[in-house]
Amino acid sequence: MDLPEHLHNLVSELGDSLVKALAEDDHCRDLAFQIQAKGYGLMLILEAAPLGHKATEDAEWEGLEPAAPFSEDDLRLMQSFKIRVD
């Protein structure tokens, strides 16, 4: 799905901020080093998808189906990063 330029910029900025925050956290940095020491690379992927009423009203999203609600695992992960879901 092609994102509008302003949304693409916001998602990119969020990704940069998350990577910075994770790199500054000692525990996260240690875990990343352990994974890399095993020969694996890490990649953070963010996806922006339309959710709920506001997104479906936006003409840029017209014709797209709203994303499914978050799973319990999704919610736990977001809470661990202190991300609120209203």
N, C-alpha and C. Protein backbone atom coordinates (compact mmCIF):
# COMPACT_ATOMS: atom_id res chain seq x y z
N MET A 1 0.86 -1.17 0.00
CA MET A 1 0.00 0.00 0.00
C MET A 1 0.90 1.23 0.00
N ASP A 2 0.62 2.19 -0.86
CA ASP A 2 1.36 3.43 -0.89
C ASP A 2 0.78 4.38 0.15
N LEU A 3 1.66 4.92 1.01
CA LEU A 3 1.24 5.87 2.02
C LEU A 3 1.35 7.28 1.49
N PRO A 4 0.46 8.17 1.92
CA PRO A 4 0.64 9.58 1.59
C PRO A 4 1.99 10.05 2.15
N GLU A 5 2.62 10.99 1.48
CA GLU A 5 3.96 11.44 1.85
C GLU A 5 4.05 11.88 3.31
N HIS A 6 3.06 12.64 3.80
CA HIS A 6 3.12 13.13 5.18
C HIS A 6 3.06 11.96 6.17
N LEU A 7 2.29 10.93 5.86
CA LEU A 7 2.20 9.77 6.74
C LEU A 7 3.49 8.95 6.68
N HIS A 8 4.04 8.82 5.50
CA HIS A 8 5.31 8.11 5.35
C HIS A 8 6.39 8.79 6.19
N ASN A 9 6.43 10.12 6.19
CA ASN A 9 7.41 10.86 6.99
C ASN A 9 7.21 10.62 8.49
N LEU A 10 5.96 10.60 8.94
CA LEU A 10 5.67 10.36 10.35
C LEU A 10 6.10 8.95 10.77
N VAL A 11 5.80 7.95 9.95
CA VAL A 11 6.18 6.57 10.26
C VAL A 11 7.71 6.45 10.29
N SER A 12 8.37 7.08 9.36
CA SER A 12 9.83 7.05 9.32
C SER A 12 10.42 7.70 10.57
N GLU A 13 9.87 8.83 10.97
CA GLU A 13 10.35 9.52 12.18
C GLU A 13 10.11 8.66 13.43
N LEU A 14 8.95 8.00 13.50
CA LEU A 14 8.66 7.11 14.61
C LEU A 14 9.66 5.96 14.65
N GLY A 15 9.95 5.37 13.49
CA GLY A 15 10.93 4.29 13.44
C GLY A 15 12.28 4.73 13.94
N ASP A 16 12.73 5.90 13.51
CA ASP A 16 14.02 6.43 13.98
C ASP A 16 14.01 6.63 15.49
N SER A 17 12.93 7.15 16.02
CA SER A 17 12.82 7.38 17.47
C SER A 17 12.82 6.07 18.25
N LEU A 18 12.11 5.06 17.73
CA LEU A 18 12.08 3.76 18.40
C LEU A 18 13.46 3.11 18.41
N VAL A 19 14.16 3.16 17.28
CA VAL A 19 15.50 2.58 17.21
C VAL A 19 16.41 3.29 18.21
N LYS A 20 16.33 4.61 18.28
CA LYS A 20 17.15 5.37 19.22
C LYS A 20 16.84 4.98 20.66
N ALA A 21 15.54 4.92 20.98
CA ALA A 21 15.13 4.56 22.35
C ALA A 21 15.60 3.16 22.72
N LEU A 22 15.46 2.22 21.79
CA LEU A 22 15.90 0.84 22.06
C LEU A 22 17.41 0.77 22.22
N ALA A 23 18.14 1.55 21.44
CA ALA A 23 19.60 1.54 21.51
C ALA A 23 20.09 2.14 22.83
N GLU A 24 19.32 3.04 23.40
CA GLU A 24 19.72 3.69 24.66
C GLU A 24 19.35 2.84 25.89
N ASP A 25 18.50 1.85 25.72
CA ASP A 25 18.09 0.98 26.82
C ASP A 25 19.12 -0.15 26.96
N ASP A 26 19.75 -0.23 28.14
CA ASP A 26 20.82 -1.21 28.35
C ASP A 26 20.35 -2.65 28.10
N HIS A 27 19.18 -3.00 28.60
CA HIS A 27 18.69 -4.37 28.44
C HIS A 27 18.43 -4.69 26.96
N CYS A 28 17.78 -3.77 26.26
CA CYS A 28 17.51 -3.98 24.83
C CYS A 28 18.80 -4.09 24.04
N ARG A 29 19.76 -3.22 24.36
CA ARG A 29 21.04 -3.25 23.66
C ARG A 29 21.75 -4.58 23.91
N ASP A 30 21.72 -5.08 25.15
CA ASP A 30 22.35 -6.36 25.48
C ASP A 30 21.68 -7.50 24.72
N LEU A 31 20.36 -7.50 24.67
CA LEU A 31 19.65 -8.54 23.93
C LEU A 31 20.00 -8.49 22.44
N ALA A 32 20.08 -7.30 21.88
CA ALA A 32 20.43 -7.15 20.46
C ALA A 32 21.83 -7.70 20.21
N PHE A 33 22.78 -7.40 21.10
CA PHE A 33 24.15 -7.91 20.95
C PHE A 33 24.17 -9.43 21.02
N GLN A 34 23.38 -10.01 21.94
CA GLN A 34 23.32 -11.46 22.06
C GLN A 34 22.78 -12.10 20.78
N ILE A 35 21.76 -11.51 20.21
CA ILE A 35 21.18 -12.03 18.96
C ILE A 35 22.19 -11.91 17.82
N GLN A 36 22.84 -10.76 17.74
CA GLN A 36 23.84 -10.56 16.68
C GLN A 36 25.03 -11.49 16.85
N ALA A 37 25.40 -11.79 18.09
CA ALA A 37 26.52 -12.70 18.35
C ALA A 37 26.20 -14.12 17.86
N LYS A 38 24.94 -14.44 17.76
CA LYS A 38 24.51 -15.75 17.24
C LYS A 38 24.46 -15.75 15.71
N GLY A 39 24.82 -14.61 15.10
CA GLY A 39 24.87 -14.55 13.64
C GLY A 39 23.60 -14.05 12.97
N TYR A 40 22.71 -13.44 13.73
CA TYR A 40 21.46 -12.93 13.18
C TYR A 40 21.47 -11.41 13.15
N GLY A 41 20.83 -10.85 12.13
CA GLY A 41 20.63 -9.41 12.05
C GLY A 41 19.27 -9.05 12.58
N LEU A 42 19.11 -7.82 12.96
CA LEU A 42 17.82 -7.34 13.47
C LEU A 42 17.29 -6.25 12.56
N MET A 43 15.98 -6.23 12.43
CA MET A 43 15.33 -5.21 11.61
C MET A 43 14.04 -4.81 12.32
N LEU A 44 13.80 -3.52 12.40
CA LEU A 44 12.55 -3.02 12.95
C LEU A 44 11.67 -2.59 11.78
N ILE A 45 10.47 -3.16 11.70
CA ILE A 45 9.55 -2.85 10.61
C ILE A 45 8.28 -2.26 11.21
N LEU A 46 7.89 -1.12 10.69
CA LEU A 46 6.64 -0.48 11.09
C LEU A 46 5.69 -0.48 9.90
N GLU A 47 4.44 -0.71 10.18
CA GLU A 47 3.43 -0.67 9.12
C GLU A 47 2.30 0.23 9.56
N ALA A 48 1.91 1.15 8.72
CA ALA A 48 0.77 2.01 8.99
C ALA A 48 -0.40 1.48 8.18
N ALA A 49 -1.50 1.18 8.85
CA ALA A 49 -2.70 0.67 8.20
C ALA A 49 -3.90 1.43 8.74
N PRO A 50 -4.90 1.64 7.94
CA PRO A 50 -6.08 2.38 8.40
C PRO A 50 -6.79 1.61 9.52
N LEU A 51 -7.17 2.34 10.54
CA LEU A 51 -7.90 1.77 11.67
C LEU A 51 -9.14 2.61 11.94
N GLY A 52 -10.24 1.97 12.12
CA GLY A 52 -11.44 2.62 12.62
C GLY A 52 -12.02 3.71 11.75
N HIS A 53 -12.87 4.49 12.37
CA HIS A 53 -13.71 5.48 11.71
C HIS A 53 -12.91 6.62 11.08
N LYS A 54 -11.97 7.20 11.82
CA LYS A 54 -11.22 8.36 11.31
C LYS A 54 -10.47 8.02 10.04
N ALA A 55 -9.77 6.90 10.04
CA ALA A 55 -8.99 6.53 8.86
C ALA A 55 -9.88 6.24 7.66
N THR A 56 -11.03 5.65 7.91
CA THR A 56 -11.89 5.32 6.77
C THR A 56 -12.59 6.55 6.22
N GLU A 57 -12.68 7.63 7.01
CA GLU A 57 -13.25 8.88 6.52
C GLU A 57 -12.28 9.60 5.60
N ASP A 58 -11.01 9.41 5.79
CA ASP A 58 -9.98 10.11 5.03
C ASP A 58 -10.04 9.67 3.57
N ALA A 59 -10.13 10.63 2.68
CA ALA A 59 -10.26 10.31 1.24
C ALA A 59 -9.06 9.52 0.73
N GLU A 60 -7.89 9.72 1.34
CA GLU A 60 -6.70 8.99 0.89
C GLU A 60 -6.83 7.49 1.16
N TRP A 61 -7.68 7.11 2.08
CA TRP A 61 -7.84 5.70 2.43
C TRP A 61 -9.10 5.12 1.79
N GLU A 62 -9.84 5.91 1.06
CA GLU A 62 -11.11 5.46 0.51
C GLU A 62 -10.93 4.18 -0.30
N GLY A 63 -11.82 3.25 -0.07
CA GLY A 63 -11.77 1.99 -0.79
C GLY A 63 -10.96 0.92 -0.08
N LEU A 64 -10.27 1.25 1.01
CA LEU A 64 -9.48 0.26 1.74
C LEU A 64 -10.27 -0.25 2.94
N GLU A 65 -10.09 -1.49 3.25
CA GLU A 65 -10.74 -2.07 4.42
C GLU A 65 -9.95 -1.70 5.68
N PRO A 66 -10.62 -1.33 6.79
CA PRO A 66 -9.90 -1.07 8.02
C PRO A 66 -9.19 -2.34 8.50
N ALA A 67 -8.07 -2.15 9.18
CA ALA A 67 -7.32 -3.30 9.71
C ALA A 67 -8.11 -3.95 10.84
N ALA A 68 -7.84 -5.22 11.06
CA ALA A 68 -8.49 -5.96 12.15
C ALA A 68 -8.04 -5.39 13.49
N PRO A 69 -8.85 -5.57 14.53
CA PRO A 69 -8.45 -5.11 15.86
C PRO A 69 -7.15 -5.80 16.29
N PHE A 70 -6.47 -5.18 17.24
CA PHE A 70 -5.21 -5.74 17.73
C PHE A 70 -5.45 -7.02 18.52
N SER A 71 -4.54 -7.96 18.38
CA SER A 71 -4.61 -9.19 19.17
C SER A 71 -4.09 -8.91 20.58
N GLU A 72 -4.30 -9.83 21.48
CA GLU A 72 -3.79 -9.68 22.85
C GLU A 72 -2.26 -9.57 22.84
N ASP A 73 -1.60 -10.35 21.98
CA ASP A 73 -0.14 -10.27 21.87
C ASP A 73 0.29 -8.89 21.38
N ASP A 74 -0.42 -8.33 20.40
CA ASP A 74 -0.11 -7.00 19.91
C ASP A 74 -0.22 -5.98 21.04
N LEU A 75 -1.31 -6.06 21.81
CA LEU A 75 -1.53 -5.11 22.89
C LEU A 75 -0.44 -5.22 23.96
N ARG A 76 -0.04 -6.45 24.31
CA ARG A 76 1.02 -6.62 25.30
C ARG A 76 2.33 -6.02 24.81
N LEU A 77 2.64 -6.25 23.55
CA LEU A 77 3.88 -5.70 22.99
C LEU A 77 3.84 -4.17 23.02
N MET A 78 2.73 -3.59 22.59
CA MET A 78 2.63 -2.13 22.59
C MET A 78 2.72 -1.58 24.01
N GLN A 79 2.10 -2.25 24.97
CA GLN A 79 2.17 -1.79 26.35
C GLN A 79 3.60 -1.87 26.87
N SER A 80 4.37 -2.87 26.44
CA SER A 80 5.75 -2.99 26.90
C SER A 80 6.59 -1.82 26.40
N PHE A 81 6.17 -1.20 25.29
CA PHE A 81 6.86 -0.02 24.76
C PHE A 81 6.15 1.27 25.20
N LYS A 82 5.20 1.12 26.14
CA LYS A 82 4.43 2.24 26.66
C LYS A 82 3.66 2.98 25.56
N ILE A 83 3.11 2.20 24.62
CA ILE A 83 2.29 2.75 23.55
C ILE A 83 0.83 2.56 23.95
N ARG A 84 0.08 3.67 24.02
CA ARG A 84 -1.33 3.62 24.38
C ARG A 84 -2.18 3.36 23.15
N VAL A 85 -3.20 2.56 23.33
CA VAL A 85 -4.16 2.32 22.27
C VAL A 85 -5.51 2.81 22.80
N ASP A 86 -6.00 3.88 22.20
CA ASP A 86 -7.28 4.46 22.66
C ASP A 86 -8.44 3.88 21.89
